[in-house]
Protein backbone atom coordinates (compact mmCIF):
# COMPACT_ATOMS: atom_id res chain seq x y z
CA UNK A 1 70.17 91.98 94.15
CA UNK A 2 72.67 89.86 92.23
CA UNK A 3 71.75 91.58 88.98
CA UNK A 4 72.19 95.00 90.59
CA UNK A 5 75.64 94.01 91.90
CA UNK A 6 76.72 92.87 88.43
CA UNK A 7 75.48 96.12 86.89
CA UNK A 8 77.32 98.14 89.52
CA UNK A 9 80.63 96.33 89.04
CA UNK A 10 80.73 95.66 85.32
CA UNK A 11 78.63 98.37 83.71
CA UNK A 12 79.74 101.46 85.56
CA UNK A 13 82.14 103.04 83.00
CA UNK A 14 85.09 103.80 85.34
CA UNK A 15 84.89 100.37 86.97
CA UNK A 16 84.59 98.64 83.60
CA UNK A 17 87.63 100.54 82.33
CA UNK A 18 89.77 99.50 85.29
CA UNK A 19 88.62 95.87 85.21
CA UNK A 20 89.01 95.71 81.43
CA UNK A 21 92.63 96.81 81.53
CA UNK A 22 93.35 94.42 84.41
CA UNK A 23 91.78 91.52 82.49
CA UNK A 24 93.87 92.24 79.37
CA UNK A 25 97.03 92.45 81.49
CA UNK A 26 96.39 89.04 83.03
CA UNK A 27 95.75 87.44 79.64
CA UNK A 28 98.97 88.95 78.31
CA UNK A 29 100.92 87.81 81.36
CA UNK A 30 99.64 84.25 80.95
CA UNK A 31 100.71 84.15 77.29
CA UNK A 32 104.18 85.47 78.15
CA UNK A 33 104.72 82.67 80.68
CA UNK A 34 104.25 80.05 77.94
CA UNK A 35 107.45 78.34 76.70
CA UNK A 36 106.67 79.45 73.14
CA UNK A 37 107.06 83.10 74.16
CA UNK A 38 110.77 83.10 75.04
CA UNK A 39 113.85 82.01 73.14
CA UNK A 40 115.08 79.78 75.98
CA UNK A 41 111.80 77.82 75.94
CA UNK A 42 111.18 78.47 79.64
CA UNK A 43 108.71 81.31 79.46
CA UNK A 44 108.86 84.32 81.75
CA UNK A 45 108.40 84.08 85.48
CA UNK A 46 105.01 85.31 86.63
CA UNK A 47 106.37 88.50 88.16
CA UNK A 48 108.30 89.41 85.00
CA UNK A 49 105.34 88.42 82.82
CA UNK A 50 102.93 90.63 84.77
CA UNK A 51 105.42 93.50 84.70
CA UNK A 52 105.97 93.18 80.93
CA UNK A 53 102.26 92.76 80.19
CA UNK A 54 101.43 95.80 82.33
CA UNK A 55 104.12 97.87 80.63
CA UNK A 56 102.82 96.89 77.17
CA UNK A 57 99.10 97.28 77.94
CA UNK A 58 99.71 100.62 79.64
CA UNK A 59 101.93 101.61 76.67
CA UNK A 60 104.85 102.44 78.94
CA UNK A 61 107.94 100.65 77.64
CA UNK A 62 109.78 99.91 80.90
CA UNK A 63 111.28 96.44 80.58
CA UNK A 64 112.91 93.99 82.98
CA UNK A 65 114.16 91.80 80.12
CA UNK A 66 115.29 92.88 76.68
CA UNK A 67 112.46 92.56 74.17
CA UNK A 68 114.61 91.82 71.12
CA UNK A 69 116.78 89.09 72.61
CA UNK A 70 114.44 87.48 75.17
CA UNK A 71 111.22 86.89 73.24
CA UNK A 72 110.41 84.77 70.24
CA UNK A 73 108.35 86.17 67.39
CA UNK A 74 105.25 84.86 69.18
CA UNK A 75 106.20 86.65 72.39
CA UNK A 76 106.92 89.86 70.53
CA UNK A 77 103.56 89.62 68.76
CA UNK A 78 101.85 89.25 72.14
CA UNK A 79 103.58 92.41 73.33
CA UNK A 80 102.71 94.26 70.13
CA UNK A 81 99.04 93.22 70.42
CA UNK A 82 98.94 94.44 74.02
CA UNK A 83 100.47 97.75 72.92
CA UNK A 84 97.87 98.22 70.21
CA UNK A 85 94.89 97.32 72.39
CA UNK A 86 96.21 99.27 75.35
CA UNK A 87 97.07 102.32 73.28
CA UNK A 88 93.73 102.68 71.54
CA UNK A 89 91.60 101.22 74.33
CA UNK A 90 89.84 97.89 74.37
CA UNK A 91 86.44 99.56 74.02
CA UNK A 92 87.53 101.09 70.71
CA UNK A 93 88.25 97.62 69.33
CA UNK A 94 85.07 96.17 70.82
CA UNK A 95 83.02 98.93 69.19
CA UNK A 96 84.70 98.42 65.83
CA UNK A 97 84.04 94.67 65.80
CA UNK A 98 80.45 95.22 66.94
CA UNK A 99 79.91 97.58 64.00
CA UNK A 100 81.46 95.06 61.62
CA UNK A 101 79.07 92.38 62.89
CA UNK A 102 76.13 94.76 62.44
CA UNK A 103 75.33 94.97 66.15
CA UNK A 104 73.78 98.07 67.70
CA UNK A 105 75.96 99.99 70.15
CA UNK A 106 74.07 100.32 73.42
CA UNK A 107 74.04 103.37 75.68
CA UNK A 108 76.18 101.55 78.25
CA UNK A 109 78.76 100.73 75.59
CA UNK A 110 78.77 104.34 74.44
CA UNK A 111 79.33 105.52 78.02
CA UNK A 112 82.22 103.08 78.42
CA UNK A 113 83.66 104.25 75.12
CA UNK A 114 83.32 107.85 76.30
CA UNK A 115 85.24 107.02 79.48
CA UNK A 116 87.90 105.14 77.50
CA UNK A 117 88.43 108.01 75.04
CA UNK A 118 88.08 110.69 77.74
CA UNK A 119 85.57 112.76 75.76
CA UNK A 120 83.06 115.23 77.19
CA UNK A 121 80.04 113.85 75.30
CA UNK A 122 78.77 110.62 73.76
CA UNK A 123 77.60 112.50 70.68
CA UNK A 124 79.35 111.05 67.62
CA UNK A 125 81.40 108.70 69.81
CA UNK A 126 80.97 105.64 67.56
CA UNK A 127 82.00 107.61 64.47
CA UNK A 128 85.05 108.87 66.40
CA UNK A 129 86.01 105.30 67.35
CA UNK A 130 85.89 104.19 63.72
CA UNK A 131 87.88 107.25 62.64
CA UNK A 132 90.52 106.44 65.28
CA UNK A 133 90.99 102.93 63.92
CA UNK A 134 91.20 104.08 60.30
CA UNK A 135 93.63 106.87 61.17
CA UNK A 136 95.75 104.52 63.28
CA UNK A 137 95.97 101.87 60.58
CA UNK A 138 96.90 104.44 57.92
CA UNK A 139 99.54 106.15 60.06
CA UNK A 140 101.14 102.90 61.22
CA UNK A 141 101.28 101.50 57.68
CA UNK A 142 102.91 104.65 56.27
CA UNK A 143 105.34 104.87 59.20
CA UNK A 144 106.11 101.15 58.97
CA UNK A 145 106.90 101.39 55.26
CA UNK A 146 109.21 104.40 55.70
CA UNK A 147 111.09 102.80 58.61
CA UNK A 148 111.33 99.49 56.74
CA UNK A 149 112.94 101.23 53.78
CA UNK A 150 115.52 102.86 56.07
CA UNK A 151 116.23 99.70 58.08
CA UNK A 152 116.68 97.72 54.84
CA UNK A 153 120.04 99.45 54.37
CA UNK A 154 121.26 97.95 57.67
CA UNK A 155 119.64 94.48 57.80
CA UNK A 156 117.98 91.82 55.61
CA UNK A 157 114.73 92.94 53.95
CA UNK A 158 112.45 90.60 55.92
CA UNK A 159 113.94 91.69 59.22
CA UNK A 160 113.80 95.34 58.15
CA UNK A 161 110.06 95.10 57.42
CA UNK A 162 109.40 93.39 60.74
CA UNK A 163 111.46 95.93 62.66
CA UNK A 164 109.96 98.83 60.74
CA UNK A 165 106.35 97.94 61.53
CA UNK A 166 107.10 96.91 65.12
CA UNK A 167 108.71 100.27 65.87
CA UNK A 168 106.03 102.17 63.98
CA UNK A 169 103.24 100.59 66.04
CA UNK A 170 105.19 100.90 69.28
CA UNK A 171 106.01 104.58 68.81
CA UNK A 172 102.61 105.65 67.47
CA UNK A 173 101.07 104.19 70.62
CA UNK A 174 103.75 105.97 72.68
CA UNK A 175 104.94 102.63 74.07
CA UNK A 176 108.71 102.77 73.61
CA UNK A 177 109.32 99.02 73.19
CA UNK A 178 112.11 98.27 70.72
CA UNK A 179 113.93 95.31 69.18
CA UNK A 180 117.41 96.76 68.85
CA UNK A 181 118.84 94.62 71.65
CA UNK A 182 120.21 95.22 75.13
CA UNK A 183 118.07 98.27 75.83
CA UNK A 184 119.77 100.25 73.03
CA UNK A 185 116.54 101.72 71.67
CA UNK A 186 117.33 103.87 68.59
CA UNK A 187 120.68 105.27 69.74
CA UNK A 188 122.27 104.06 66.51
CA UNK A 189 120.06 106.44 64.54
CA UNK A 190 120.59 109.58 66.62
CA UNK A 191 121.65 111.63 63.57
CA UNK A 192 119.47 109.88 60.97
CA UNK A 193 117.06 112.46 59.55
CA UNK A 194 114.46 110.01 58.20
CA UNK A 195 114.20 107.87 61.35
CA UNK A 196 114.05 110.93 63.62
CA UNK A 197 111.39 112.76 61.62
CA UNK A 198 109.22 109.68 61.03
CA UNK A 199 109.28 108.53 64.65
CA UNK A 200 108.83 112.06 66.07
CA UNK A 201 105.84 112.57 63.77
CA UNK A 202 104.25 109.29 64.83
CA UNK A 203 104.82 109.99 68.52
CA UNK A 204 103.28 113.44 68.14
CA UNK A 205 100.24 112.18 66.21
CA UNK A 206 99.63 109.50 68.82
CA UNK A 207 100.13 111.94 71.69
CA UNK A 208 98.01 114.96 70.78
CA UNK A 209 94.73 113.08 71.09
CA UNK A 210 92.35 111.65 68.53
CA UNK A 211 89.78 114.39 68.97
CA UNK A 212 92.44 116.94 68.01
CA UNK A 213 93.48 114.85 65.01
CA UNK A 214 89.83 114.61 63.93
CA UNK A 215 89.27 118.37 64.18
CA UNK A 216 92.49 119.22 62.34
CA UNK A 217 91.57 116.76 59.58
CA UNK A 218 88.10 118.28 59.20
CA UNK A 219 89.34 121.87 59.45
CA UNK A 220 89.40 122.20 55.66
CA UNK A 221 85.62 121.79 55.72
CA UNK A 222 84.64 123.38 59.04
CA UNK A 223 87.21 126.20 59.21
CA UNK A 224 87.04 126.09 63.00
CA UNK A 225 88.91 124.51 65.89
CA UNK A 226 87.60 123.99 69.40
CA UNK A 227 89.25 125.61 72.41
CA UNK A 228 90.50 122.19 73.47
CA UNK A 229 92.31 121.65 70.17
CA UNK A 230 93.84 125.12 70.20
CA UNK A 231 95.20 124.64 73.74
CA UNK A 232 96.57 121.18 72.93
CA UNK A 233 98.34 122.31 69.75
CA UNK A 234 99.75 125.48 71.33
CA UNK A 235 100.92 123.78 74.53
CA UNK A 236 102.43 120.82 72.68
CA UNK A 237 104.34 123.10 70.31
CA UNK A 238 105.66 125.25 73.18
CA UNK A 239 106.75 122.23 75.25
CA UNK A 240 108.43 120.55 72.28
CA UNK A 241 110.23 123.70 71.19
CA UNK A 242 111.31 124.74 74.68
CA UNK A 243 112.40 121.20 75.53
CA UNK A 244 114.49 120.99 72.34
CA UNK A 245 116.27 124.27 73.03
CA UNK A 246 117.03 123.45 76.68
CA UNK A 247 118.26 119.91 75.96
CA UNK A 248 120.46 121.26 73.18
CA UNK A 249 121.97 123.83 75.58
CA UNK A 250 122.45 121.35 78.43
CA UNK A 251 123.94 118.54 76.32
CA UNK A 252 125.76 120.37 73.53
CA UNK A 253 129.26 119.63 74.88
CA UNK A 254 128.45 116.53 76.93
CA UNK A 255 130.94 113.81 75.88
CA UNK A 256 128.48 111.10 76.94
CA UNK A 257 125.73 112.26 74.60
CA UNK A 258 126.18 115.01 71.99
CA UNK A 259 129.72 116.32 71.85
CA UNK A 260 130.77 114.02 68.98
CA UNK A 261 127.66 114.71 66.87
CA UNK A 262 127.38 117.17 63.99
CA UNK A 263 125.23 120.29 64.51
CA UNK A 264 122.38 118.57 62.65
CA UNK A 265 122.82 115.44 64.76
CA UNK A 266 122.75 117.50 67.96
CA UNK A 267 119.54 119.22 66.91
CA UNK A 268 117.89 115.92 65.96
CA UNK A 269 118.99 114.33 69.25
CA UNK A 270 117.56 117.23 71.26
CA UNK A 271 114.33 117.28 69.23
CA UNK A 272 113.83 113.54 69.55
CA UNK A 273 114.43 113.54 73.28
CA UNK A 274 112.08 116.48 73.78
CA UNK A 275 109.30 114.73 71.85
CA UNK A 276 109.78 111.26 73.33
CA UNK A 277 110.01 112.50 76.93
CA UNK A 278 106.30 113.31 76.91
CA UNK A 279 105.28 109.61 77.08
CA UNK A 280 106.87 107.80 74.11
CA UNK A 281 109.83 106.21 75.88
CA UNK A 282 112.21 105.41 73.04
CA UNK A 283 115.48 107.32 72.96
CA UNK A 284 118.38 108.20 70.68
CA UNK A 285 120.58 109.65 73.44
CA UNK A 286 122.15 107.68 76.27
CA UNK A 287 119.76 108.43 79.15
CA UNK A 288 122.23 107.43 81.86
CA UNK A 289 124.82 109.83 80.38
CA UNK A 290 122.60 112.92 80.42
CA UNK A 291 123.38 115.91 82.64
CA UNK A 292 121.38 116.16 85.88
CA UNK A 293 119.76 119.35 84.60
CA UNK A 294 118.56 117.48 81.50
CA UNK A 295 117.27 114.57 83.56
CA UNK A 296 115.28 116.91 85.77
CA UNK A 297 113.85 118.66 82.71
CA UNK A 298 112.81 115.27 81.31
CA UNK A 299 111.11 114.42 84.60
CA UNK A 300 109.05 117.61 84.28
CA UNK A 301 108.16 116.81 80.66
CA UNK A 302 107.24 113.24 81.61
CA UNK A 303 104.89 114.35 84.37
CA UNK A 304 103.17 116.82 82.02
CA UNK A 305 102.83 114.08 79.43
CA UNK A 306 100.66 113.95 76.32
CA UNK A 307 97.12 115.21 75.69
CA UNK A 308 93.68 113.90 76.73
CA UNK A 309 92.20 111.12 74.63
CA UNK A 310 95.61 110.06 73.30
CA UNK A 311 97.82 107.01 73.70
CA UNK A 312 100.03 108.88 76.19
CA UNK A 313 99.97 109.45 79.93
CA UNK A 314 100.95 112.15 82.42
CA UNK A 315 98.74 114.85 83.89
CA UNK A 316 98.12 116.01 80.28
CA UNK A 317 98.91 119.22 78.40
CA UNK A 318 95.49 120.80 78.98
CA UNK A 319 95.82 120.27 82.73
CA UNK A 320 99.23 121.94 82.74
CA UNK A 321 98.03 124.82 80.56
CA UNK A 322 94.99 125.40 82.79
CA UNK A 323 97.15 125.60 85.91
CA UNK A 324 99.60 127.99 84.25
CA UNK A 325 96.65 130.07 83.12
CA UNK A 326 95.26 130.14 86.67
CA UNK A 327 98.62 131.30 88.04
CA UNK A 328 98.87 134.09 85.45
CA UNK A 329 95.28 135.11 86.20
CA UNK A 330 96.01 135.40 89.92
CA UNK A 331 99.20 137.39 89.30
CA UNK A 332 97.24 139.83 87.14
CA UNK A 333 94.58 140.16 89.84
CA UNK A 334 91.80 138.86 87.60
CA UNK A 335 89.13 136.22 88.25
CA UNK A 336 88.70 134.29 84.99
CA UNK A 337 91.22 132.03 83.24
CA UNK A 338 91.14 133.08 79.58
CA UNK A 339 92.46 131.17 76.55
CA UNK A 340 91.86 132.35 73.00
CA UNK A 341 89.16 134.77 74.20
CA UNK A 342 87.24 132.03 75.96
CA UNK A 343 86.76 131.55 79.70
CA UNK A 344 87.68 128.31 81.49
CA UNK A 345 85.06 127.16 84.00
CA UNK A 346 86.25 127.19 87.66
CA UNK A 347 85.36 123.48 87.92
CA UNK A 348 87.97 122.73 85.23
CA UNK A 349 90.59 124.58 87.26
CA UNK A 350 89.69 122.52 90.35
CA UNK A 351 89.82 119.32 88.32
CA UNK A 352 93.21 120.28 86.89
CA UNK A 353 94.53 120.92 90.39
CA UNK A 354 93.12 117.58 91.60
CA UNK A 355 94.67 115.65 88.70
CA UNK A 356 98.04 117.33 89.19
CA UNK A 357 98.15 116.84 92.96
CA UNK A 358 97.02 113.21 92.60
CA UNK A 359 99.78 112.55 90.09
CA UNK A 360 102.47 114.29 92.12
CA UNK A 361 101.34 112.49 95.28
CA UNK A 362 101.61 109.16 93.47
CA UNK A 363 105.11 109.97 92.17
CA UNK A 364 106.25 111.04 95.65
CA UNK A 365 104.83 107.92 97.32
CA UNK A 366 106.36 105.59 94.71
CA UNK A 367 109.72 107.34 95.04
CA UNK A 368 109.70 106.88 98.82
CA UNK A 369 108.69 103.22 98.53
CA UNK A 370 111.42 102.50 95.95
CA UNK A 371 113.97 104.14 98.24
CA UNK A 372 113.03 101.43 100.74
CA UNK A 373 112.89 98.47 98.35
CA UNK A 374 115.96 99.51 96.32
CA UNK A 375 118.48 100.62 98.98
CA UNK A 376 121.70 102.26 97.88
CA UNK A 377 120.28 103.54 94.59
CA UNK A 378 120.76 107.13 93.46
CA UNK A 379 117.77 109.27 94.42
CA UNK A 380 117.54 110.94 90.99
CA UNK A 381 117.49 107.52 89.33
CA UNK A 382 114.59 106.42 91.54
CA UNK A 383 112.67 109.67 91.01
CA UNK A 384 113.22 109.35 87.25
CA UNK A 385 111.89 105.78 87.30
CA UNK A 386 108.83 106.76 89.34
CA UNK A 387 107.92 109.65 87.02
CA UNK A 388 108.46 107.46 83.97
CA UNK A 389 106.14 104.77 85.32
CA UNK A 390 103.41 107.20 86.36
CA UNK A 391 103.48 109.04 83.02
CA UNK A 392 103.70 105.71 81.11
CA UNK A 393 106.81 106.98 79.34
CA UNK A 394 109.24 104.06 79.50
CA UNK A 395 112.51 105.99 79.76
CA UNK A 396 114.92 104.57 82.31
CA UNK A 397 118.37 105.33 83.67
CA UNK A 398 118.98 101.59 83.94
CA UNK A 399 117.15 100.77 87.17
CA UNK A 400 114.24 98.74 85.75
CA UNK A 401 116.14 95.52 84.87
CA UNK A 402 117.70 95.51 88.35
CA UNK A 403 114.51 96.04 90.38
CA UNK A 404 113.73 93.73 93.26
CA UNK A 405 110.45 91.80 93.28
CA UNK A 406 108.72 94.39 95.52
CA UNK A 407 110.12 97.13 93.27
CA UNK A 408 108.68 95.45 90.18
CA UNK A 409 105.28 95.21 91.84
CA UNK A 410 105.38 98.88 92.84
CA UNK A 411 106.33 100.03 89.32
CA UNK A 412 103.72 97.74 87.72
CA UNK A 413 100.96 99.19 89.93
CA UNK A 414 102.21 102.70 89.15
CA UNK A 415 102.08 102.07 85.40
CA UNK A 416 98.53 100.74 85.73
CA UNK A 417 97.44 103.73 87.80
CA UNK A 418 99.12 106.13 85.39
CA UNK A 419 97.36 104.61 82.39
CA UNK A 420 93.78 104.35 83.64
CA UNK A 421 94.22 107.56 85.61
CA UNK A 422 94.29 108.23 89.36
CA UNK A 423 90.88 109.88 89.18
CA UNK A 424 89.35 106.98 87.23
CA UNK A 425 90.54 104.53 89.88
CA UNK A 426 89.23 106.81 92.63
CA UNK A 427 85.83 107.11 90.94
CA UNK A 428 85.75 103.36 90.29
CA UNK A 429 86.25 102.59 93.98
CA UNK A 430 84.23 105.44 95.46
CA UNK A 431 80.54 105.65 96.17
CA UNK A 432 78.33 107.70 93.92
CA UNK A 433 78.43 111.41 94.63
CA UNK A 434 75.78 112.43 97.13
CA UNK A 435 73.74 115.58 96.86
CA UNK A 436 74.64 118.31 99.33
CA UNK A 437 71.61 119.69 101.18
CA UNK A 438 73.43 122.47 103.03
CA UNK A 439 76.63 124.51 102.87
CA UNK A 440 78.91 125.65 105.69
CA UNK A 441 79.56 129.36 106.23
CA UNK A 442 82.45 130.83 104.30
CA UNK A 443 85.70 131.39 106.18
CA UNK A 444 88.92 133.25 105.40
CA UNK A 445 92.54 132.11 105.59
CA UNK A 446 95.85 133.71 104.66
CA UNK A 447 97.68 132.30 101.61
CA UNK A 448 101.37 132.77 100.86
């Protein structure tokens, strides 16, 4: 009986995923409370430590204290380690070390890895995990070197290298933590071509999903892409392009953001904000100074988020594309959702609807709760914060550092739920699906 209980709790993939993330968060929180972690030698309070550890592990980037001025190098390394483990998934690291030690990967471990990477099959899952680590290391090293070279013109070489690699790792994992001081993010580099292109590329590579990256890399040999990869690439390109154009139109003459920038600077600022809004969290424009129309657009982009199997959050690009496809199908009076001459199974449409409604319900509930715990705050600011936490983005209009203790707890729980996924938590807590032995008669209702 005891053995069965242990198997049920610790070896069921969804439960193991939830418990694994929670365990890492608590370890990180403990380390951040140590005197060695902060410059004042006091360590963080437990509530701030849990919030920061959750934000780092869930690769969000919302902060209640400034990362660059509050933490020592040790504290910053703790945060960076949490970002890396949280972004790639603890099971990916566990698998890699098991392979290095020559241990065989069991079926249970493969199932947990499948759940962590959100893949449809365990076939080739170990090879994919190793490819993810190699690709991540290569991308972060190249990005770190390029950013270090650019930062070296503005700061001492040692500091430039440290800053370059910190921001490369943070942005590739779509975390949004920065060291620039006082929540400035990368606003000083809004019109810098190198910084914008390097960071946007790293955010995109981390956000499209490792399965997509793997297929694109092997395309030169296979000459084929799966339907999943085609939808992810097409949807990501459309969202990035449309977001860039709309932000450029909304902010072009805004004195608080773009009006003083050159045409190139305005384009780079719009591009960066469009890319980072879908779960990265760093920014080159002053978020609090954006137009309301831009803020609402960013909320939409945040909720959509990145792609399945990536370091990002949100309902995911494939979910959004499937719902749009279903709407178009209904308008045309057809039955099947078609992408690239392939039909989407009805169960995928139902799952997309469930994921979307679960995410929107969570954002609505968090917004209502924050309106209670943070009285007198602007509603758009609270909605923005809620969407950012759910989608693990990390963008903020300035509310996070001023949250009350209940508000911090609410946002921390939201970040955790947004990272492991509302459905994963539901499956982890629910009983196993029971077989249906009969069906009720079909009824009709009026819609619309």
